[in-house]
PDB file of N, CA and C in Angstrom:
ATOM      1  N   MET A   1     -39.227  94.175  18.109  1.00  0.00           N
ATOM      2  CA  MET A   1     -40.119  94.900  17.231  1.00  0.00           C
ATOM      3  C   MET A   1     -39.407  96.109  16.626  1.00  0.00           C
ATOM      4  N   ASN A   2     -38.541  96.745  17.383  1.00  0.00           N
ATOM      5  CA  ASN A   2     -37.812  97.915  16.897  1.00  0.00           C
ATOM      6  C   ASN A   2     -36.875  97.535  15.759  1.00  0.00           C
ATOM      7  N   GLU A   3     -36.265  96.331  15.858  1.00  0.00           N
ATOM      8  CA  GLU A   3     -35.389  95.865  14.779  1.00  0.00           C
ATOM      9  C   GLU A   3     -36.170  95.713  13.478  1.00  0.00           C
ATOM     10  N   SER A   4     -37.396  95.242  13.584  1.00  0.00           N
ATOM     11  CA  SER A   4     -38.236  95.072  12.403  1.00  0.00           C
ATOM     12  C   SER A   4     -38.495  96.415  11.729  1.00  0.00           C
ATOM     13  N   LYS A   5     -38.767  97.441  12.524  1.00  0.00           N
ATOM     14  CA  LYS A   5     -39.012  98.772  11.968  1.00  0.00           C
ATOM     15  C   LYS A   5     -37.755  99.321  11.307  1.00  0.00           C
ATOM     16  N   GLU A   6     -36.610  99.042  11.900  1.00  0.00           N
ATOM     17  CA  GLU A   6     -35.348  99.515  11.335  1.00  0.00           C
ATOM     18  C   GLU A   6     -35.055  98.824   9.999  1.00  0.00           C
ATOM     19  N   ARG A   7     -35.511  97.597   9.818  1.00  0.00           N
ATOM     20  CA  ARG A   7     -35.289  96.874   8.564  1.00  0.00           C
ATOM     21  C   ARG A   7     -36.267  97.319   7.481  1.00  0.00           C
ATOM     22  N   VAL A   8     -37.405  97.899   7.890  1.00  0.00           N
ATOM     23  CA  VAL A   8     -38.414  98.343   6.932  1.00  0.00           C
ATOM     24  C   VAL A   8     -38.019  99.669   6.295  1.00  0.00           C
ATOM     25  N   LYS A   9     -37.322 100.521   7.018  1.00  0.00           N
ATOM     26  CA  LYS A   9     -36.947 101.840   6.494  1.00  0.00           C
ATOM     27  C   LYS A   9     -36.159 101.770   5.183  1.00  0.00           C
ATOM     28  N   PRO A  10     -35.123 100.917   5.080  1.00  0.00           N
ATOM     29  CA  PRO A  10     -34.416 100.836   3.798  1.00  0.00           C
ATOM     30  C   PRO A  10     -35.300 100.322   2.661  1.00  0.00           C
ATOM     31  N   LEU A  11     -36.230  99.426   2.965  1.00  0.00           N
ATOM     32  CA  LEU A  11     -37.150  98.930   1.943  1.00  0.00           C
ATOM     33  C   LEU A  11     -38.042 100.062   1.449  1.00  0.00           C
ATOM     34  N   TYR A  12     -38.526 100.859   2.388  1.00  0.00           N
ATOM     35  CA  TYR A  12     -39.370 101.999   2.022  1.00  0.00           C
ATOM     36  C   TYR A  12     -38.577 102.985   1.170  1.00  0.00           C
ATOM     37  N   ARG A  13     -37.357 103.259   1.585  1.00  0.00           N
ATOM     38  CA  ARG A  13     -36.508 104.186   0.822  1.00  0.00           C
ATOM     39  C   ARG A  13     -36.208 103.614  -0.566  1.00  0.00           C
ATOM     40  N   GLY A  14     -35.983 102.324  -0.628  1.00  0.00           N
ATOM     41  CA  GLY A  14     -35.731 101.677  -1.917  1.00  0.00           C
ATOM     42  C   GLY A  14     -36.914 101.817  -2.858  1.00  0.00           C
ATOM     43  N   THR A  15     -38.134 101.632  -2.339  1.00  0.00           N
ATOM     44  CA  THR A  15     -39.314 101.780  -3.196  1.00  0.00           C
ATOM     45  C   THR A  15     -39.469 103.230  -3.643  1.00  0.00           C
ATOM     46  N   GLN A  16     -39.169 104.172  -2.750  1.00  0.00           N
ATOM     47  CA  GLN A  16     -39.227 105.586  -3.148  1.00  0.00           C
ATOM     48  C   GLN A  16     -38.254 105.886  -4.274  1.00  0.00           C
ATOM     49  N   ILE A  17     -37.061 105.332  -4.203  1.00  0.00           N
ATOM     50  CA  ILE A  17     -36.043 105.571  -5.236  1.00  0.00           C
ATOM     51  C   ILE A  17     -36.496 104.990  -6.571  1.00  0.00           C
ATOM     52  N   VAL A  18     -37.045 103.778  -6.546  1.00  0.00           N
ATOM     53  CA  VAL A  18     -37.514 103.140  -7.784  1.00  0.00           C
ATOM     54  C   VAL A  18     -38.605 103.994  -8.417  1.00  0.00           C
ATOM     55  N   TRP A  19     -39.594 104.431  -7.620  1.00  0.00           N
ATOM     56  CA  TRP A  19     -40.681 105.241  -8.176  1.00  0.00           C
ATOM     57  C   TRP A  19     -40.170 106.586  -8.680  1.00  0.00           C
ATOM     58  N   TYR A  20     -39.219 107.192  -7.973  1.00  0.00           N
ATOM     59  CA  TYR A  20     -38.675 108.485  -8.413  1.00  0.00           C
ATOM     60  C   TYR A  20     -37.970 108.348  -9.770  1.00  0.00           C
ATOM     61  N   ILE A  21     -37.143 107.327  -9.902  1.00  0.00           N
ATOM     62  CA  ILE A  21     -36.448 107.090 -11.180  1.00  0.00           C
ATOM     63  C   ILE A  21     -37.475 106.865 -12.285  1.00  0.00           C
ATOM     64  N   LEU A  22     -38.511 106.086 -11.985  1.00  0.00           N
ATOM     65  CA  LEU A  22     -39.554 105.834 -12.988  1.00  0.00           C
ATOM     66  C   LEU A  22     -40.232 107.144 -13.390  1.00  0.00           C
ATOM     67  N   TYR A  23     -40.584 107.991 -12.423  1.00  0.00           N
ATOM     68  CA  TYR A  23     -41.281 109.250 -12.750  1.00  0.00           C
ATOM     69  C   TYR A  23     -40.422 110.141 -13.635  1.00  0.00           C
ATOM     70  N   VAL A  24     -39.133 110.212 -13.355  1.00  0.00           N
ATOM     71  CA  VAL A  24     -38.237 111.019 -14.185  1.00  0.00           C
ATOM     72  C   VAL A  24     -38.181 110.445 -15.601  1.00  0.00           C
ATOM     73  N   LEU A  25     -37.988 109.137 -15.705  1.00  0.00           N
ATOM     74  CA  LEU A  25     -37.910 108.493 -17.016  1.00  0.00           C
ATOM     75  C   LEU A  25     -39.223 108.637 -17.783  1.00  0.00           C
ATOM     76  N   GLU A  26     -40.337 108.415 -17.115  1.00  0.00           N
ATOM     77  CA  GLU A  26     -41.640 108.512 -17.781  1.00  0.00           C
ATOM     78  C   GLU A  26     -41.906 109.948 -18.244  1.00  0.00           C
ATOM     79  N   THR A  27     -41.496 110.920 -17.459  1.00  0.00           N
ATOM     80  CA  THR A  27     -41.665 112.318 -17.855  1.00  0.00           C
ATOM     81  C   THR A  27     -40.875 112.616 -19.121  1.00  0.00           C
ATOM     82  N   LEU A  28     -39.634 112.153 -19.175  1.00  0.00           N
ATOM     83  CA  LEU A  28     -38.819 112.352 -20.375  1.00  0.00           C
ATOM     84  C   LEU A  28     -39.443 111.656 -21.585  1.00  0.00           C
ATOM     85  N   LEU A  29     -39.956 110.443 -21.375  1.00  0.00           N
ATOM     86  CA  LEU A  29     -40.576 109.710 -22.477  1.00  0.00           C
ATOM     87  C   LEU A  29     -41.872 110.386 -22.948  1.00  0.00           C
ATOM     88  N   VAL A  30     -42.622 110.958 -22.036  1.00  0.00           N
ATOM     89  CA  VAL A  30     -43.828 111.695 -22.422  1.00  0.00           C
ATOM     90  C   VAL A  30     -43.443 112.931 -23.228  1.00  0.00           C
ATOM     91  N   PHE A  31     -42.384 113.639 -22.809  1.00  0.00           N
ATOM     92  CA  PHE A  31     -41.888 114.772 -23.595  1.00  0.00           C
ATOM     93  C   PHE A  31     -41.533 114.311 -25.010  1.00  0.00           C
ATOM     94  N   ARG A  32     -40.837 113.195 -25.110  1.00  0.00           N
ATOM     95  CA  ARG A  32     -40.451 112.662 -26.423  1.00  0.00           C
ATOM     96  C   ARG A  32     -41.689 112.381 -27.270  1.00  0.00           C
ATOM     97  N   PHE A  33     -42.661 111.700 -26.663  1.00  0.00           N
ATOM     98  CA  PHE A  33     -43.882 111.355 -27.382  1.00  0.00           C
ATOM     99  C   PHE A  33     -44.592 112.609 -27.900  1.00  0.00           C
ATOM    100  N   VAL A  34     -44.743 113.603 -27.039  1.00  0.00           N
ATOM    101  CA  VAL A  34     -45.436 114.836 -27.422  1.00  0.00           C
ATOM    102  C   VAL A  34     -44.651 115.590 -28.488  1.00  0.00           C
ATOM    103  N   LEU A  35     -43.341 115.691 -28.335  1.00  0.00           N
ATOM    104  CA  LEU A  35     -42.525 116.390 -29.336  1.00  0.00           C
ATOM    105  C   LEU A  35     -42.627 115.717 -30.697  1.00  0.00           C
ATOM    106  N   ARG A  36     -42.606 114.387 -30.728  1.00  0.00           N
ATOM    107  CA  ARG A  36     -42.746 113.670 -32.003  1.00  0.00           C
ATOM    108  C   ARG A  36     -44.158 113.862 -32.559  1.00  0.00           C
ATOM    109  N   LEU A  37     -45.153 113.870 -31.674  1.00  0.00           N
ATOM    110  CA  LEU A  37     -46.538 114.008 -32.093  1.00  0.00           C
ATOM    111  C   LEU A  37     -46.812 115.376 -32.726  1.00  0.00           C
ATOM    112  N   ILE A  38     -46.215 116.417 -32.163  1.00  0.00           N
ATOM    113  CA  ILE A  38     -46.467 117.763 -32.708  1.00  0.00           C
ATOM    114  C   ILE A  38     -45.496 118.122 -33.825  1.00  0.00           C
ATOM    115  N   GLY A  39     -44.594 117.196 -34.151  1.00  0.00           N
ATOM    116  CA  GLY A  39     -43.652 117.440 -35.241  1.00  0.00           C
ATOM    117  C   GLY A  39     -42.612 118.485 -34.906  1.00  0.00           C
ATOM    118  N   ALA A  40     -42.119 118.461 -33.674  1.00  0.00           N
ATOM    119  CA  ALA A  40     -41.109 119.434 -33.241  1.00  0.00           C
ATOM    120  C   ALA A  40     -39.842 119.315 -34.084  1.00  0.00           C
ATOM    121  N   ASN A  41     -39.175 120.429 -34.260  1.00  0.00           N
ATOM    122  CA  ASN A  41     -37.944 120.484 -35.042  1.00  0.00           C
ATOM    123  C   ASN A  41     -36.844 119.701 -34.315  1.00  0.00           C
ATOM    124  N   PRO A  42     -36.349 118.596 -34.897  1.00  0.00           N
ATOM    125  CA  PRO A  42     -35.322 117.799 -34.218  1.00  0.00           C
ATOM    126  C   PRO A  42     -33.984 118.526 -34.094  1.00  0.00           C
ATOM    127  N   ALA A  43     -33.798 119.608 -34.836  1.00  0.00           N
ATOM    128  CA  ALA A  43     -32.551 120.365 -34.750  1.00  0.00           C
ATOM    129  C   ALA A  43     -32.579 121.379 -33.613  1.00  0.00           C
ATOM    130  N   ALA A  44     -33.750 121.634 -33.047  1.00  0.00           N
ATOM    131  CA  ALA A  44     -33.852 122.565 -31.917  1.00  0.00           C
ATOM    132  C   ALA A  44     -33.152 121.949 -30.708  1.00  0.00           C
ATOM    133  N   GLY A  45     -32.523 122.782 -29.910  1.00  0.00           N
ATOM    134  CA  GLY A  45     -31.727 122.309 -28.776  1.00  0.00           C
ATOM    135  C   GLY A  45     -32.485 121.424 -27.809  1.00  0.00           C
ATOM    136  N   PHE A  46     -33.653 121.883 -27.349  1.00  0.00           N
ATOM    137  CA  PHE A  46     -34.419 121.116 -26.373  1.00  0.00           C
ATOM    138  C   PHE A  46     -34.886 119.785 -26.972  1.00  0.00           C
ATOM    139  N   THR A  47     -35.394 119.840 -28.197  1.00  0.00           N
ATOM    140  CA  THR A  47     -35.881 118.634 -28.859  1.00  0.00           C
ATOM    141  C   THR A  47     -34.745 117.634 -29.040  1.00  0.00           C
ATOM    142  N   ASP A  48     -33.616 118.097 -29.507  1.00  0.00           N
ATOM    143  CA  ASP A  48     -32.457 117.221 -29.686  1.00  0.00           C
ATOM    144  C   ASP A  48     -32.019 116.619 -28.357  1.00  0.00           C
ATOM    145  N   PHE A  49     -32.028 117.430 -27.298  1.00  0.00           N
ATOM    146  CA  PHE A  49     -31.653 116.961 -25.963  1.00  0.00           C
ATOM    147  C   PHE A  49     -32.575 115.824 -25.511  1.00  0.00           C
ATOM    148  N   ILE A  50     -33.878 116.015 -25.659  1.00  0.00           N
ATOM    149  CA  ILE A  50     -34.841 114.993 -25.237  1.00  0.00           C
ATOM    150  C   ILE A  50     -34.693 113.726 -26.085  1.00  0.00           C
ATOM    151  N   TYR A  51     -34.565 113.891 -27.406  1.00  0.00           N
ATOM    152  CA  TYR A  51     -34.414 112.722 -28.274  1.00  0.00           C
ATOM    153  C   TYR A  51     -33.140 111.948 -27.952  1.00  0.00           C
ATOM    154  N   THR A  52     -32.042 112.654 -27.727  1.00  0.00           N
ATOM    155  CA  THR A  52     -30.762 112.010 -27.421  1.00  0.00           C
ATOM    156  C   THR A  52     -30.825 111.295 -26.072  1.00  0.00           C
ATOM    157  N   LEU A  53     -31.428 111.961 -25.089  1.00  0.00           N
ATOM    158  CA  LEU A  53     -31.504 111.406 -23.743  1.00  0.00           C
ATOM    159  C   LEU A  53     -32.407 110.175 -23.681  1.00  0.00           C
ATOM    160  N   THR A  54     -33.476 110.175 -24.448  1.00  0.00           N
ATOM    161  CA  THR A  54     -34.439 109.071 -24.366  1.00  0.00           C
ATOM    162  C   THR A  54     -34.165 107.933 -25.348  1.00  0.00           C
ATOM    163  N   LEU A  55     -33.329 108.164 -26.331  1.00  0.00           N
ATOM    164  CA  LEU A  55     -33.066 107.129 -27.341  1.00  0.00           C
ATOM    165  C   LEU A  55     -32.631 105.788 -26.745  1.00  0.00           C
ATOM    166  N   PRO A  56     -31.717 105.766 -25.768  1.00  0.00           N
ATOM    167  CA  PRO A  56     -31.332 104.455 -25.212  1.00  0.00           C
ATOM    168  C   PRO A  56     -32.507 103.708 -24.558  1.00  0.00           C
ATOM    169  N   PHE A  57     -33.505 104.446 -24.090  1.00  0.00           N
ATOM    170  CA  PHE A  57     -34.632 103.814 -23.410  1.00  0.00           C
ATOM    171  C   PHE A  57     -35.713 103.336 -24.379  1.00  0.00           C
ATOM    172  N   VAL A  58     -35.805 103.975 -25.553  1.00  0.00           N
ATOM    173  CA  VAL A  58     -36.789 103.519 -26.544  1.00  0.00           C
ATOM    174  C   VAL A  58     -36.165 102.602 -27.587  1.00  0.00           C
ATOM    175  N   ALA A  59     -34.852 102.557 -27.664  1.00  0.00           N
ATOM    176  CA  ALA A  59     -34.162 101.759 -28.682  1.00  0.00           C
ATOM    177  C   ALA A  59     -34.606 100.294 -28.713  1.00  0.00           C
ATOM    178  N   PRO A  60     -34.785  99.622 -27.566  1.00  0.00           N
ATOM    179  CA  PRO A  60     -35.203  98.216 -27.628  1.00  0.00           C
ATOM    180  C   PRO A  60     -36.583  98.012 -28.256  1.00  0.00           C
ATOM    181  N   PHE A  61     -37.364  99.076 -28.361  1.00  0.00           N
ATOM    182  CA  PHE A  61     -38.741  98.964 -28.845  1.00  0.00           C
ATOM    183  C   PHE A  61     -38.942  99.568 -30.238  1.00  0.00           C
ATOM    184  N   LEU A  62     -37.891 100.135 -30.833  1.00  0.00           N
ATOM    185  CA  LEU A  62     -38.040 100.903 -32.068  1.00  0.00           C
ATOM    186  C   LEU A  62     -38.646 100.124 -33.228  1.00  0.00           C
ATOM    187  N   ASN A  63     -38.355  98.871 -33.380  1.00  0.00           N
ATOM    188  CA  ASN A  63     -38.863  98.119 -34.521  1.00  0.00           C
ATOM    189  C   ASN A  63     -39.997  97.171 -34.163  1.00  0.00           C
ATOM    190  N   VAL A  64     -40.555  97.333 -32.972  1.00  0.00           N
ATOM    191  CA  VAL A  64     -41.650  96.449 -32.557  1.00  0.00           C
ATOM    192  C   VAL A  64     -42.909  96.751 -33.355  1.00  0.00           C
ATOM    193  N   VAL A  65     -43.262  98.019 -33.456  1.00  0.00           N
ATOM    194  CA  VAL A  65     -44.432  98.445 -34.235  1.00  0.00           C
ATOM    195  C   VAL A  65     -44.045  99.664 -35.060  1.00  0.00           C
ATOM    196  N   GLY A  66     -44.806  99.912 -36.090  1.00  0.00           N
ATOM    197  CA  GLY A  66     -44.555 101.074 -36.926  1.00  0.00           C
ATOM    198  C   GLY A  66     -45.028 102.355 -36.262  1.00  0.00           C
ATOM    199  N   SER A  67     -44.545 103.461 -36.782  1.00  0.00           N
ATOM    200  CA  SER A  67     -44.953 104.766 -36.280  1.00  0.00           C
ATOM    201  C   SER A  67     -45.570 105.553 -37.429  1.00  0.00           C
ATOM    202  N   PRO A  68     -46.897 105.699 -37.424  1.00  0.00           N
ATOM    203  CA  PRO A  68     -47.548 106.429 -38.503  1.00  0.00           C
ATOM    204  C   PRO A  68     -47.136 107.898 -38.538  1.00  0.00           C
ATOM    205  N   ARG A  69     -46.902 108.413 -39.752  1.00  0.00           N
ATOM    206  CA  ARG A  69     -46.500 109.805 -39.945  1.00  0.00           C
ATOM    207  C   ARG A  69     -47.562 110.539 -40.749  1.00  0.00           C
ATOM    208  N   VAL A  70     -47.877 111.741 -40.284  1.00  0.00           N
ATOM    209  CA  VAL A  70     -48.810 112.596 -41.000  1.00  0.00           C
ATOM    210  C   VAL A  70     -48.269 114.017 -40.955  1.00  0.00           C
ATOM    211  N   ALA A  71     -47.854 114.514 -42.103  1.00  0.00           N
ATOM    212  CA  ALA A  71     -47.379 115.901 -42.248  1.00  0.00           C
ATOM    213  C   ALA A  71     -46.353 116.283 -41.182  1.00  0.00           C
ATOM    214  N   GLY A  72     -45.339 115.475 -41.002  1.00  0.00           N
ATOM    215  CA  GLY A  72     -44.271 115.788 -40.051  1.00  0.00           C
ATOM    216  C   GLY A  72     -44.545 115.335 -38.631  1.00  0.00           C
ATOM    217  N   SER A  73     -45.772 114.968 -38.342  1.00  0.00           N
ATOM    218  CA  SER A  73     -46.149 114.492 -37.017  1.00  0.00           C
ATOM    219  C   SER A  73     -46.011 112.976 -36.971  1.00  0.00           C
ATOM    220  N   VAL A  74     -45.493 112.459 -35.860  1.00  0.00           N
ATOM    221  CA  VAL A  74     -45.293 111.016 -35.715  1.00  0.00           C
ATOM    222  C   VAL A  74     -45.984 110.540 -34.444  1.00  0.00           C
ATOM    223  N   PHE A  75     -46.877 109.565 -34.614  1.00  0.00           N
ATOM    224  CA  PHE A  75     -47.480 108.921 -33.450  1.00  0.00           C
ATOM    225  C   PHE A  75     -46.596 107.731 -33.115  1.00  0.00           C
ATOM    226  N   GLU A  76     -45.741 107.912 -32.121  1.00  0.00           N
ATOM    227  CA  GLU A  76     -44.701 106.931 -31.820  1.00  0.00           C
ATOM    228  C   GLU A  76     -45.195 105.893 -30.817  1.00  0.00           C
ATOM    229  N   TRP A  77     -45.743 104.806 -31.343  1.00  0.00           N
ATOM    230  CA  TRP A  77     -46.213 103.707 -30.504  1.00  0.00           C
ATOM    231  C   TRP A  77     -45.090 103.127 -29.654  1.00  0.00           C
ATOM    232  N   THR A  78     -43.877 103.153 -30.192  1.00  0.00           N
ATOM    233  CA  THR A  78     -42.749 102.556 -29.464  1.00  0.00           C
ATOM    234  C   THR A  78     -42.490 103.283 -28.149  1.00  0.00           C
ATOM    235  N   THR A  79     -42.705 104.591 -28.129  1.00  0.00           N
ATOM    236  CA  THR A  79     -42.520 105.337 -26.884  1.00  0.00           C
ATOM    237  C   THR A  79     -43.597 104.955 -25.876  1.00  0.00           C
ATOM    238  N   LEU A  80     -44.824 104.802 -26.345  1.00  0.00           N
ATOM    239  CA  LEU A  80     -45.900 104.373 -25.443  1.00  0.00           C
ATOM    240  C   LEU A  80     -45.633 102.976 -24.906  1.00  0.00           C
ATOM    241  N   LEU A  81     -45.120 102.101 -25.759  1.00  0.00           N
ATOM    242  CA  LEU A  81     -44.761 100.750 -25.312  1.00  0.00           C
ATOM    243  C   LEU A  81     -43.652 100.808 -24.267  1.00  0.00           C
ATOM    244  N   ALA A  82     -42.648 101.651 -24.490  1.00  0.00           N
ATOM    245  CA  ALA A  82     -41.555 101.801 -23.519  1.00  0.00           C
ATOM    246  C   ALA A  82     -42.092 102.305 -22.183  1.00  0.00           C
ATOM    247  N   ILE A  83     -43.006 103.264 -22.215  1.00  0.00           N
ATOM    248  CA  ILE A  83     -43.605 103.795 -20.985  1.00  0.00           C
ATOM    249  C   ILE A  83     -44.281 102.668 -20.216  1.00  0.00           C
ATOM    250  N   LEU A  84     -45.052 101.858 -20.910  1.00  0.00           N
ATOM    251  CA  LEU A  84     -45.751 100.742 -20.265  1.00  0.00           C
ATOM    252  C   LEU A  84     -44.773  99.711 -19.700  1.00  0.00           C
ATOM    253  N   VAL A  85     -43.777  99.333 -20.479  1.00  0.00           N
ATOM    254  CA  VAL A  85     -42.820  98.311 -20.045  1.00  0.00           C
ATOM    255  C   VAL A  85     -42.023  98.799 -18.840  1.00  0.00           C
ATOM    256  N   TYR A  86     -41.568 100.050 -18.855  1.00  0.00           N
ATOM    257  CA  TYR A  86     -40.792 100.553 -17.716  1.00  0.00           C
ATOM    258  C   TYR A  86     -41.657 100.688 -16.468  1.00  0.00           C
ATOM    259  N   TRP A  87     -42.941 101.021 -16.637  1.00  0.00           N
ATOM    260  CA  TRP A  87     -43.828 101.087 -15.483  1.00  0.00           C
ATOM    261  C   TRP A  87     -44.002  99.691 -14.885  1.00  0.00           C
ATOM    262  N   LEU A  88     -44.219  98.695 -15.749  1.00  0.00           N
ATOM    263  CA  LEU A  88     -44.356  97.320 -15.258  1.00  0.00           C
ATOM    264  C   LEU A  88     -43.076  96.825 -14.589  1.00  0.00           C
ATOM    265  N   LEU A  89     -41.947  97.187 -15.137  1.00  0.00           N
ATOM    266  CA  LEU A  89     -40.662  96.805 -14.549  1.00  0.00           C
ATOM    267  C   LEU A  89     -40.488  97.433 -13.161  1.00  0.00           C
ATOM    268  N   ALA A  90     -40.794  98.707 -13.034  1.00  0.00           N
ATOM    269  CA  ALA A  90     -40.691  99.379 -11.734  1.00  0.00           C
ATOM    270  C   ALA A  90     -41.662  98.768 -10.733  1.00  0.00           C
ATOM    271  N   TRP A  91     -42.879  98.491 -11.180  1.00  0.00           N
ATOM    272  CA  TRP A  91     -43.873  97.877 -10.308  1.00  0.00           C
ATOM    273  C   TRP A  91     -43.377  96.521  -9.800  1.00  0.00           C
ATOM    274  N   GLY A  92     -42.783  95.728 -10.691  1.00  0.00           N
ATOM    275  CA  GLY A  92     -42.251  94.429 -10.302  1.00  0.00           C
ATOM    276  C   GLY A  92     -41.100  94.545  -9.314  1.00  0.00           C
ATOM    277  N   ILE A  93     -40.221  95.513  -9.531  1.00  0.00           N
ATOM    278  CA  ILE A  93     -39.098  95.722  -8.611  1.00  0.00           C
ATOM    279  C   ILE A  93     -39.615  96.124  -7.237  1.00  0.00           C
ATOM    280  N   VAL A  94     -40.593  97.012  -7.198  1.00  0.00           N
ATOM    281  CA  VAL A  94     -41.162  97.439  -5.913  1.00  0.00           C
ATOM    282  C   VAL A  94     -41.816  96.248  -5.218  1.00  0.00           C
ATOM    283  N   LYS A  95     -42.533  95.420  -5.954  1.00  0.00           N
ATOM    284  CA  LYS A  95     -43.153  94.230  -5.351  1.00  0.00           C
ATOM    285  C   LYS A  95     -42.092  93.303  -4.768  1.00  0.00           C
ATOM    286  N   LEU A  96     -40.977  93.137  -5.471  1.00  0.00           N
ATOM    287  CA  LEU A  96     -39.886  92.299  -4.950  1.00  0.00           C
ATOM    288  C   LEU A  96     -39.297  92.896  -3.679  1.00  0.00           C
ATOM    289  N   LEU A  97     -39.119  94.214  -3.660  1.00  0.00           N
ATOM    290  CA  LEU A  97     -38.587  94.865  -2.459  1.00  0.00           C
ATOM    291  C   LEU A  97     -39.536  94.694  -1.282  1.00  0.00           C
ATOM    292  N   VAL A  98     -40.832  94.843  -1.536  1.00  0.00           N
ATOM    293  CA  VAL A  98     -41.816  94.733  -0.458  1.00  0.00           C
ATOM    294  C   VAL A  98     -41.886  93.297   0.065  1.00  0.00           C
ATOM    295  N   MET A  99     -41.613  92.323  -0.800  1.00  0.00           N
ATOM    296  CA  MET A  99     -41.613  90.935  -0.331  1.00  0.00           C
ATOM    297  C   MET A  99     -40.500  90.703   0.692  1.00  0.00           C
ATOM    298  N   GLY A 100     -39.494  91.543   0.699  1.00  0.00           N
ATOM    299  CA  GLY A 100     -38.418  91.417   1.671  1.00  0.00           C
ATOM    300  C   GLY A 100     -38.757  92.010   3.023  1.00  0.00           C
ATOM    301  N   LYS A 101     -39.939  92.621   3.132  1.00  0.00           N
ATOM    302  CA  LYS A 101     -40.361  93.236   4.393  1.00  0.00           C
ATOM    303  C   LYS A 101     -40.636  92.150   5.429  1.00  0.00           C
ATOM    304  N   PRO A 102     -40.104  92.314   6.619  1.00  0.00           N
ATOM    305  CA  PRO A 102     -40.369  91.321   7.660  1.00  0.00           C
ATOM    306  C   PRO A 102     -41.846  91.356   8.076  1.00  0.00           C
ATOM    307  N   VAL A 103     -42.432  90.179   8.275  1.00  0.00           N
ATOM    308  CA  VAL A 103     -43.828  90.091   8.712  1.00  0.00           C
ATOM    309  C   VAL A 103     -43.909  89.180   9.926  1.00  0.00           C
ATOM    310  N   SER A 104     -44.887  89.468  10.756  1.00  0.00           N
ATOM    311  CA  SER A 104     -45.102  88.617  11.927  1.00  0.00           C
ATOM    312  C   SER A 104     -45.856  87.363  11.493  1.00  0.00           C
ATOM    313  N   THR A 105     -45.815  86.350  12.334  1.00  0.00           N
ATOM    314  CA  THR A 105     -46.502  85.099  12.016  1.00  0.00           C
ATOM    315  C   THR A 105     -48.008  85.313  11.855  1.00  0.00           C
ATOM    316  N   PRO A 106     -48.667  86.050  12.764  1.00  0.00           N
ATOM    317  CA  PRO A 106     -50.115  86.267  12.570  1.00  0.00           C
ATOM    318  C   PRO A 106     -50.425  87.018  11.267  1.00  0.00           C
ATOM    319  N   GLU A 107     -49.596  87.987  10.930  1.00  0.00           N
ATOM    320  CA  GLU A 107     -49.798  88.741   9.692  1.00  0.00           C
ATOM    321  C   GLU A 107     -49.637  87.823   8.477  1.00  0.00           C
ATOM    322  N   ALA A 108     -48.644  86.968   8.513  1.00  0.00           N
ATOM    323  CA  ALA A 108     -48.423  86.024   7.411  1.00  0.00           C
ATOM    324  C   ALA A 108     -49.600  85.063   7.276  1.00  0.00           C
ATOM    325  N   GLU A 109     -50.129  84.588   8.399  1.00  0.00           N
ATOM    326  CA  GLU A 109     -51.268  83.668   8.356  1.00  0.00           C
ATOM    327  C   GLU A 109     -52.486  84.326   7.708  1.00  0.00           C
ATOM    328  N   VAL A 110     -52.767  85.581   8.069  1.00  0.00           N
ATOM    329  CA  VAL A 110     -53.898  86.307   7.496  1.00  0.00           C
ATOM    330  C   VAL A 110     -53.714  86.476   5.997  1.00  0.00           C
ATOM    331  N   LYS A 111     -52.522  86.859   5.585  1.00  0.00           N
ATOM    332  CA  LYS A 111     -52.261  87.071   4.158  1.00  0.00           C
ATOM    333  C   LYS A 111     -52.343  85.759   3.378  1.00  0.00           C
ATOM    334  N   LEU A 112     -51.860  84.667   3.957  1.00  0.00           N
ATOM    335  CA  LEU A 112     -51.954  83.372   3.287  1.00  0.00           C
ATOM    336  C   LEU A 112     -53.406  82.920   3.161  1.00  0.00           C
ATOM    337  N   ASP A 113     -54.207  83.187   4.203  1.00  0.00           N
ATOM    338  CA  ASP A 113     -55.617  82.838   4.137  1.00  0.00           C
ATOM    339  C   ASP A 113     -56.314  83.608   3.021  1.00  0.00           C
ATOM    340  N   ARG A 114     -55.977  84.873   2.839  1.00  0.00           N
ATOM    341  CA  ARG A 114     -56.572  85.690   1.775  1.00  0.00           C
ATOM    342  C   ARG A 114     -56.182  85.149   0.403  1.00  0.00           C
ATOM    343  N   GLN A 115     -54.958  84.663   0.271  1.00  0.00           N
ATOM    344  CA  GLN A 115     -54.494  84.144  -1.018  1.00  0.00           C
ATOM    345  C   GLN A 115     -55.204  82.837  -1.377  1.00  0.00           C
ATOM    346  N   ASP A 116     -55.605  82.068  -0.380  1.00  0.00           N
ATOM    347  CA  ASP A 116     -56.265  80.791  -0.631  1.00  0.00           C
ATOM    348  C   ASP A 116     -57.695  80.956  -1.149  1.00  0.00           C
ATOM    349  N   ARG A 117     -58.278  82.124  -0.982  1.00  0.00           N
ATOM    350  CA  ARG A 117     -59.675  82.335  -1.405  1.00  0.00           C
ATOM    351  C   ARG A 117     -59.813  82.540  -2.864  1.00  0.00           C
TER     352      ARG A 117
END
């Protein structure tokens, strides 16, 4: 039983790392979204830093949908799409990591019975 607990610790740490990376990325993407929404000056140091840092993460989504502009303000749907996709990706990775968790036979039987319903 002790070996099982020792094998669970790295899985738990792995899920923590995935969620931490996601929170940092999502925070940066939210900053990007808000800065674009309020029409922040792209030449300002902080704004340029956020745009440069987040560009590789929003680049795959840039031409998926348009971004409406009103008086310098941009509602960037692509950033919202990136936030959603990265959250789903992190959730999937965590689910895969948790599937590697060792389970006892009785625990597996209970979980399989629940899935059959």
